Amino acid sequence: MSTTTTRGVARPASAKASPARPRRGLRGSSTFNFWLFTSPFLIGLTVFVYVPIGWSLWLSFFEARFTVTPSKFVGFDNYWQMLQDSKFTGSLVTFTVFAAFIVPATWALSLGLALLVNRLRFMKAFFRSVFFLPTACSYVAAALVWKMSMFSGVRFGLMNTILGWFGVENIAWLANPDPPWYWLVIVTLRLWLQAGFYMILFLAALQNIPPELYEAAAIDGAKPGWQTFRYITLPQLRATSTAVILLLVIAAYQAFDEFYNLLAKTTWGRPPLVELYYTALGESQDYGEGSAGAVILTLLILIVTLAQGKFLGFGRGDDK
């Protein structure tokens, strides 16, 4: 043992600390931790999403009535039958128009709410929670409230009560397709349900805009209000606006709950998913044609989404 001398006193040298051994084996690796935490999600995603999608695509090429294990291959006949079905194609056209209206309306309303909440000096958290609260409401429960209380066809409905104060007779909001008052019910319901969620997205984006930009604009003579909104705020929100619009388009074509609960079993005003529901689970229970219709709807959503992403510049850098 080596020794060291301090003022003539011999002392043993301190032993060097041995470096810690790296943990070996699968448990000490990041790979094991990754699969440990993601495997439940991946298993659920595979079983409940990917397998049904693959099975639906496979069924679309077979004759599948009252069974999900067919054996007769029909090729693209199911697709041809669905494209000849006037109810299904009419629902696609109708909801393309519906998406063209509800998407910009929801975008403008959610952005307007975000701008108002962002400018508040007090009770900002309260108003943010109030506008976001409808997002937590079930679409089924909200549809029943709109149907039985807000837009009830009898004189006790809230809207008919308000109109009665001005001498307007009761309106059957959901019972008559001519005039199509049911669109007013559905549009107001959807705006109330989803505007708060997208308001939070815009609010987060507004809070990330550097205040130095507004200060520099003020020094350059830009007037607060429309000029700063057009040339500073709106360009800074381009990425968020693009994401919001894409999400709104997908949600518009996937509408189901409110239409099914508001219009019940009427033959008008059905969205594509309701038509597919009656095709696959109705009296005929044609899973082949229902699956083909689902694939057509998916392709339509994909085409519209890619076209809007291309037009809005989704994925491009800020300098382009």
Protein backbone atom coordinates (compact mmCIF):
# COMPACT_ATOMS: atom_id res chain seq x y z
CA MET A 1 0.00 0.00 0.00
CA SER A 2 1.41 3.34 -1.01
CA THR A 3 1.66 6.11 1.53
CA THR A 4 1.92 9.88 1.43
CA THR A 5 3.84 12.07 3.85
CA THR A 6 2.37 15.28 5.30
CA ARG A 7 4.71 17.12 7.71
CA GLY A 8 6.59 13.91 8.41
CA VAL A 9 3.49 11.84 9.18
CA ALA A 10 2.89 8.88 6.91
CA ARG A 11 -0.69 8.45 5.76
CA PRO A 12 -2.17 5.85 3.46
CA ALA A 13 -3.10 7.11 0.02
CA SER A 14 -6.82 7.41 -0.64
CA ALA A 15 -8.19 4.78 -2.96
CA LYS A 16 -9.52 6.00 -6.30
CA ALA A 17 -13.26 5.75 -6.75
CA SER A 18 -14.03 3.05 -9.26
CA PRO A 19 -16.26 4.23 -12.12
CA ALA A 20 -19.88 3.05 -11.98
CA ARG A 21 -20.56 0.12 -14.20
CA PRO A 22 -23.06 0.80 -16.93
CA ARG A 23 -26.25 -1.17 -16.54
CA ARG A 24 -26.36 -3.92 -19.08
CA GLY A 25 -29.22 -5.95 -20.35
CA LEU A 26 -32.57 -5.10 -21.85
CA ARG A 27 -34.00 -3.54 -18.68
CA GLY A 28 -31.34 -0.89 -18.56
CA SER A 29 -31.76 0.18 -22.17
CA SER A 30 -33.95 2.89 -23.57
CA THR A 31 -35.37 0.41 -26.10
CA PHE A 32 -37.00 -1.64 -23.35
CA ASN A 33 -38.51 1.47 -21.75
CA PHE A 34 -39.83 2.64 -25.11
CA TRP A 35 -41.63 -0.61 -25.87
CA LEU A 36 -42.81 -0.93 -22.27
CA PHE A 37 -44.70 2.35 -22.36
CA THR A 38 -45.84 2.33 -26.00
CA SER A 39 -46.83 -1.31 -26.44
CA PRO A 40 -50.31 -0.95 -24.81
CA PHE A 41 -51.11 1.96 -27.11
CA LEU A 42 -49.70 0.22 -30.18
CA ILE A 43 -51.63 -2.97 -29.41
CA GLY A 44 -54.87 -1.06 -29.00
CA LEU A 45 -54.19 0.96 -32.17
CA THR A 46 -53.52 -2.21 -34.14
CA VAL A 47 -56.50 -4.17 -32.84
CA PHE A 48 -59.10 -1.40 -32.92
CA VAL A 49 -57.88 0.77 -35.85
CA TYR A 50 -55.51 -0.90 -38.30
CA VAL A 51 -57.13 -4.35 -38.34
CA PRO A 52 -60.67 -2.94 -38.90
CA ILE A 53 -59.37 -0.66 -41.65
CA GLY A 54 -57.65 -3.56 -43.39
CA TRP A 55 -60.69 -5.80 -42.93
CA SER A 56 -63.00 -3.11 -44.34
CA LEU A 57 -60.76 -2.67 -47.37
CA TRP A 58 -60.78 -6.44 -47.92
CA LEU A 59 -64.58 -6.68 -47.55
CA SER A 60 -65.09 -3.95 -50.15
CA PHE A 61 -64.03 -6.39 -52.89
CA PHE A 62 -66.40 -9.18 -51.82
CA GLU A 63 -70.12 -9.79 -51.65
CA ALA A 64 -70.78 -9.63 -47.93
CA ARG A 65 -74.43 -9.71 -46.94
CA PHE A 66 -75.21 -10.69 -43.36
CA THR A 67 -71.64 -11.89 -42.92
CA VAL A 68 -68.15 -10.48 -42.40
CA THR A 69 -66.38 -13.59 -43.75
CA PRO A 70 -67.41 -13.69 -47.44
CA SER A 71 -65.96 -15.90 -50.13
CA LYS A 72 -67.38 -14.49 -53.41
CA PHE A 73 -65.03 -11.98 -55.01
CA VAL A 74 -66.82 -9.21 -56.94
CA GLY A 75 -63.97 -6.81 -57.63
CA PHE A 76 -65.05 -3.17 -57.93
CA ASP A 77 -68.78 -3.93 -58.21
CA ASN A 78 -69.43 -2.65 -54.69
CA TYR A 79 -67.73 0.64 -55.53
CA TRP A 80 -69.77 0.96 -58.71
CA GLN A 81 -73.01 0.28 -56.83
CA MET A 82 -72.21 2.90 -54.21
CA LEU A 83 -71.34 5.50 -56.85
CA GLN A 84 -74.70 4.79 -58.53
CA ASP A 85 -76.58 5.16 -55.25
CA SER A 86 -78.16 8.62 -55.40
CA LYS A 87 -78.55 8.81 -51.61
CA PHE A 88 -74.86 8.22 -50.97
CA THR A 89 -73.57 10.48 -53.74
CA GLY A 90 -76.10 13.13 -52.75
CA SER A 91 -74.83 13.02 -49.17
CA LEU A 92 -71.27 13.51 -50.44
CA VAL A 93 -72.28 16.58 -52.46
CA THR A 94 -74.40 17.96 -49.63
CA PHE A 95 -71.64 17.63 -47.10
CA THR A 96 -69.08 19.13 -49.43
CA VAL A 97 -71.29 22.23 -49.41
CA PHE A 98 -71.74 21.88 -45.64
CA ALA A 99 -67.97 21.71 -45.16
CA ALA A 100 -67.50 24.75 -47.41
CA PHE A 101 -69.76 26.71 -45.04
CA ILE A 102 -69.05 25.33 -41.57
CA VAL A 103 -65.26 25.35 -41.93
CA PRO A 104 -64.78 29.10 -42.55
CA ALA A 105 -67.59 29.93 -40.09
CA THR A 106 -65.95 27.94 -37.29
CA TRP A 107 -62.51 29.30 -38.20
CA ALA A 108 -63.73 32.91 -38.05
CA LEU A 109 -65.69 32.40 -34.82
CA SER A 110 -62.88 30.60 -32.99
CA LEU A 111 -60.30 33.16 -34.13
CA GLY A 112 -62.56 36.02 -33.09
CA LEU A 113 -63.09 34.52 -29.64
CA ALA A 114 -59.35 33.98 -29.26
CA LEU A 115 -58.64 37.61 -30.15
CA LEU A 116 -61.23 38.85 -27.66
CA VAL A 117 -60.02 36.61 -24.82
CA ASN A 118 -56.39 37.46 -25.54
CA ARG A 119 -57.09 41.18 -25.16
CA LEU A 120 -58.82 40.84 -21.79
CA ARG A 121 -57.10 42.46 -18.82
CA PHE A 122 -59.03 40.54 -16.17
CA MET A 123 -60.97 37.25 -15.83
CA LYS A 124 -59.13 35.81 -18.83
CA ALA A 125 -59.06 32.32 -17.33
CA PHE A 126 -62.80 32.49 -16.59
CA PHE A 127 -63.84 33.39 -20.13
CA ARG A 128 -61.37 30.89 -21.57
CA SER A 129 -62.99 28.15 -19.50
CA VAL A 130 -66.52 29.30 -20.37
CA PHE A 131 -65.90 29.16 -24.12
CA PHE A 132 -64.01 25.87 -23.88
CA LEU A 133 -66.58 24.15 -21.64
CA PRO A 134 -68.95 23.07 -24.48
CA THR A 135 -66.12 20.97 -25.91
CA ALA A 136 -66.49 18.59 -22.97
CA CYS A 137 -70.19 18.10 -23.71
CA SER A 138 -71.33 14.95 -25.48
CA TYR A 139 -72.55 15.45 -29.04
CA VAL A 140 -75.54 13.21 -28.29
CA ALA A 141 -76.53 15.17 -25.16
CA ALA A 142 -76.09 18.51 -26.92
CA ALA A 143 -78.16 17.31 -29.89
CA LEU A 144 -81.00 16.30 -27.59
CA VAL A 145 -80.89 19.68 -25.82
CA TRP A 146 -81.01 21.49 -29.17
CA LYS A 147 -83.83 19.24 -30.39
CA MET A 148 -86.07 19.14 -27.32
CA SER A 149 -85.42 22.54 -25.74
CA MET A 150 -83.77 25.09 -28.02
CA PHE A 151 -85.35 24.28 -31.39
CA SER A 152 -88.41 22.30 -30.41
CA GLY A 153 -91.18 22.57 -32.98
CA VAL A 154 -93.83 23.34 -30.36
CA ARG A 155 -94.48 26.77 -28.88
CA PHE A 156 -92.58 25.88 -25.70
CA GLY A 157 -89.26 25.73 -27.55
CA LEU A 158 -86.89 28.58 -26.75
CA MET A 159 -86.52 29.82 -30.33
CA ASN A 160 -90.24 29.63 -31.04
CA THR A 161 -90.92 31.45 -27.77
CA ILE A 162 -88.60 34.29 -28.78
CA LEU A 163 -90.12 34.44 -32.27
CA GLY A 164 -93.60 34.47 -30.74
CA TRP A 165 -92.76 37.74 -28.98
CA PHE A 166 -92.52 39.31 -32.45
CA GLY A 167 -95.68 37.68 -33.75
CA VAL A 168 -93.98 34.92 -35.75
CA GLU A 169 -95.77 31.58 -35.86
CA ASN A 170 -94.14 28.38 -34.65
CA ILE A 171 -91.56 26.84 -36.96
CA ALA A 172 -91.10 23.10 -37.34
CA TRP A 173 -87.32 23.29 -37.30
CA LEU A 174 -86.57 19.59 -37.82
CA ALA A 175 -89.76 18.18 -39.31
CA ASN A 176 -89.80 19.77 -42.74
CA PRO A 177 -87.03 19.82 -45.38
CA ASP A 178 -88.64 22.72 -47.24
CA PRO A 179 -87.49 25.24 -46.15
CA PRO A 180 -84.44 23.47 -44.72
CA TRP A 181 -84.52 25.03 -41.24
CA TYR A 182 -82.73 21.95 -39.90
CA TRP A 183 -79.44 23.32 -41.23
CA LEU A 184 -79.73 26.27 -38.84
CA VAL A 185 -80.13 23.83 -35.94
CA ILE A 186 -77.16 21.70 -37.00
CA VAL A 187 -74.85 24.62 -37.79
CA THR A 188 -75.50 26.42 -34.49
CA LEU A 189 -75.04 23.18 -32.57
CA ARG A 190 -71.73 22.39 -34.24
CA LEU A 191 -70.45 25.94 -33.82
CA TRP A 192 -71.29 25.83 -30.11
CA LEU A 193 -69.61 22.46 -29.65
CA GLN A 194 -66.33 22.93 -31.47
CA ALA A 195 -65.53 26.66 -31.55
CA GLY A 196 -64.09 26.61 -28.03
CA PHE A 197 -61.55 23.90 -28.83
CA TYR A 198 -60.12 25.72 -31.82
CA MET A 199 -60.22 28.99 -29.85
CA ILE A 200 -57.70 27.43 -27.44
CA LEU A 201 -55.41 26.57 -30.36
CA PHE A 202 -55.56 30.11 -31.70
CA LEU A 203 -55.11 31.54 -28.22
CA ALA A 204 -51.94 29.53 -27.71
CA ALA A 205 -50.63 30.72 -31.08
CA LEU A 206 -51.46 34.36 -30.26
CA GLN A 207 -49.55 34.16 -27.00
CA ASN A 208 -46.49 32.89 -28.87
CA ILE A 209 -46.29 35.95 -31.15
CA PRO A 210 -43.34 38.11 -30.02
CA PRO A 211 -44.56 41.49 -28.73
CA GLU A 212 -41.52 43.10 -30.37
CA LEU A 213 -43.24 42.72 -33.72
CA TYR A 214 -46.10 44.97 -32.64
CA GLU A 215 -43.69 47.46 -31.11
CA ALA A 216 -41.68 47.63 -34.32
CA ALA A 217 -44.88 48.04 -36.34
CA ALA A 218 -46.00 50.90 -34.10
CA ILE A 219 -42.66 52.64 -34.58
CA ASP A 220 -43.03 52.24 -38.35
CA GLY A 221 -46.43 53.92 -38.20
CA ALA A 222 -48.77 50.92 -38.40
CA LYS A 223 -52.17 51.66 -36.89
CA PRO A 224 -53.46 49.25 -34.23
CA GLY A 225 -56.41 47.22 -35.34
CA TRP A 226 -56.90 46.02 -38.90
CA GLN A 227 -53.39 46.85 -40.15
CA THR A 228 -51.57 45.02 -37.37
CA PHE A 229 -54.01 42.11 -37.63
CA ARG A 230 -53.60 41.79 -41.39
CA TYR A 231 -49.84 42.22 -41.67
CA ILE A 232 -48.61 40.80 -38.35
CA THR A 233 -51.16 38.67 -36.49
CA LEU A 234 -52.67 36.78 -39.40
CA PRO A 235 -49.35 35.80 -41.05
CA GLN A 236 -48.05 34.60 -37.68
CA LEU A 237 -51.11 32.36 -37.37
CA ARG A 238 -50.69 30.70 -40.78
CA ALA A 239 -49.51 27.34 -39.47
CA THR A 240 -52.23 27.19 -36.81
CA SER A 241 -54.89 28.29 -39.30
CA THR A 242 -53.88 25.57 -41.73
CA ALA A 243 -54.01 22.88 -39.06
CA VAL A 244 -57.39 24.13 -37.83
CA ILE A 245 -58.88 24.14 -41.33
CA LEU A 246 -57.65 20.61 -42.05
CA LEU A 247 -59.11 19.34 -38.78
CA LEU A 248 -62.42 21.08 -39.49
CA VAL A 249 -62.69 19.55 -42.96
CA ILE A 250 -62.13 16.05 -41.62
CA ALA A 251 -64.62 16.62 -38.78
CA ALA A 252 -67.26 17.92 -41.22
CA TYR A 253 -67.20 14.75 -43.33
CA GLN A 254 -67.17 12.56 -40.22
CA ALA A 255 -70.31 14.14 -38.75
CA PHE A 256 -72.62 11.50 -37.35
CA ASP A 257 -73.88 11.94 -33.78
CA GLU A 258 -75.75 15.21 -34.08
CA PHE A 259 -77.32 14.33 -37.44
CA TYR A 260 -78.40 10.89 -36.31
CA ASN A 261 -79.98 12.23 -33.11
CA LEU A 262 -81.50 15.37 -34.60
CA LEU A 263 -82.97 13.97 -37.80
CA ALA A 264 -83.63 10.44 -36.51
CA LYS A 265 -84.69 8.24 -39.46
CA THR A 266 -85.51 10.93 -41.99
CA THR A 267 -84.35 10.33 -45.53
CA TRP A 268 -83.09 13.89 -46.06
CA GLY A 269 -80.10 15.65 -44.57
CA ARG A 270 -78.16 12.47 -43.94
CA PRO A 271 -74.37 12.72 -43.77
CA PRO A 272 -72.24 10.06 -45.51
CA LEU A 273 -71.56 8.18 -42.28
CA VAL A 274 -75.28 7.86 -41.56
CA GLU A 275 -75.88 6.54 -45.08
CA LEU A 276 -73.11 3.99 -44.58
CA TYR A 277 -74.59 3.08 -41.21
CA TYR A 278 -77.94 2.20 -42.78
CA THR A 279 -76.23 0.42 -45.67
CA ALA A 280 -74.11 -1.83 -43.48
CA LEU A 281 -76.45 -2.21 -40.49
CA GLY A 282 -79.85 -1.69 -42.07
CA GLU A 283 -82.23 -4.31 -43.40
CA SER A 284 -79.84 -5.51 -46.12
CA GLN A 285 -76.73 -5.52 -43.90
CA ASP A 286 -74.48 -5.24 -46.93
CA TYR A 287 -71.02 -5.00 -45.41
CA GLY A 288 -69.38 -5.12 -48.83
CA GLU A 289 -71.08 -2.00 -50.16
CA GLY A 290 -70.76 -0.31 -46.78
CA SER A 291 -67.02 -0.94 -46.77
CA ALA A 292 -66.70 0.32 -50.34
CA GLY A 293 -68.56 3.49 -49.36
CA ALA A 294 -66.22 3.97 -46.40
CA VAL A 295 -63.21 3.70 -48.71
CA ILE A 296 -64.75 6.22 -51.12
CA LEU A 297 -65.41 8.63 -48.26
CA THR A 298 -61.85 8.20 -47.00
CA LEU A 299 -60.43 8.92 -50.44
CA LEU A 300 -62.63 12.03 -50.76
CA ILE A 301 -61.44 13.34 -47.38
CA LEU A 302 -57.85 12.61 -48.40
CA ILE A 303 -58.19 14.45 -51.72
CA VAL A 304 -59.86 17.49 -50.16
CA THR A 305 -57.31 17.58 -47.33
CA LEU A 306 -54.34 17.37 -49.67
CA ALA A 307 -55.81 20.01 -51.97
CA GLN A 308 -56.37 22.39 -49.07
CA GLY A 309 -52.94 21.65 -47.65
CA LYS A 310 -51.40 22.44 -51.04
CA PHE A 311 -53.42 25.63 -51.39
CA LEU A 312 -52.71 26.82 -47.84
CA GLY A 313 -49.06 25.90 -47.95
CA PHE A 314 -49.12 23.23 -45.24
CA GLY A 315 -45.57 22.07 -44.49
CA ARG A 316 -43.83 24.99 -46.18
CA GLY A 317 -41.33 27.06 -44.29
CA ASP A 318 -42.10 30.58 -43.17
CA ASP A 319 -39.69 32.02 -45.70
CA LYS A 320 -41.56 30.66 -48.67
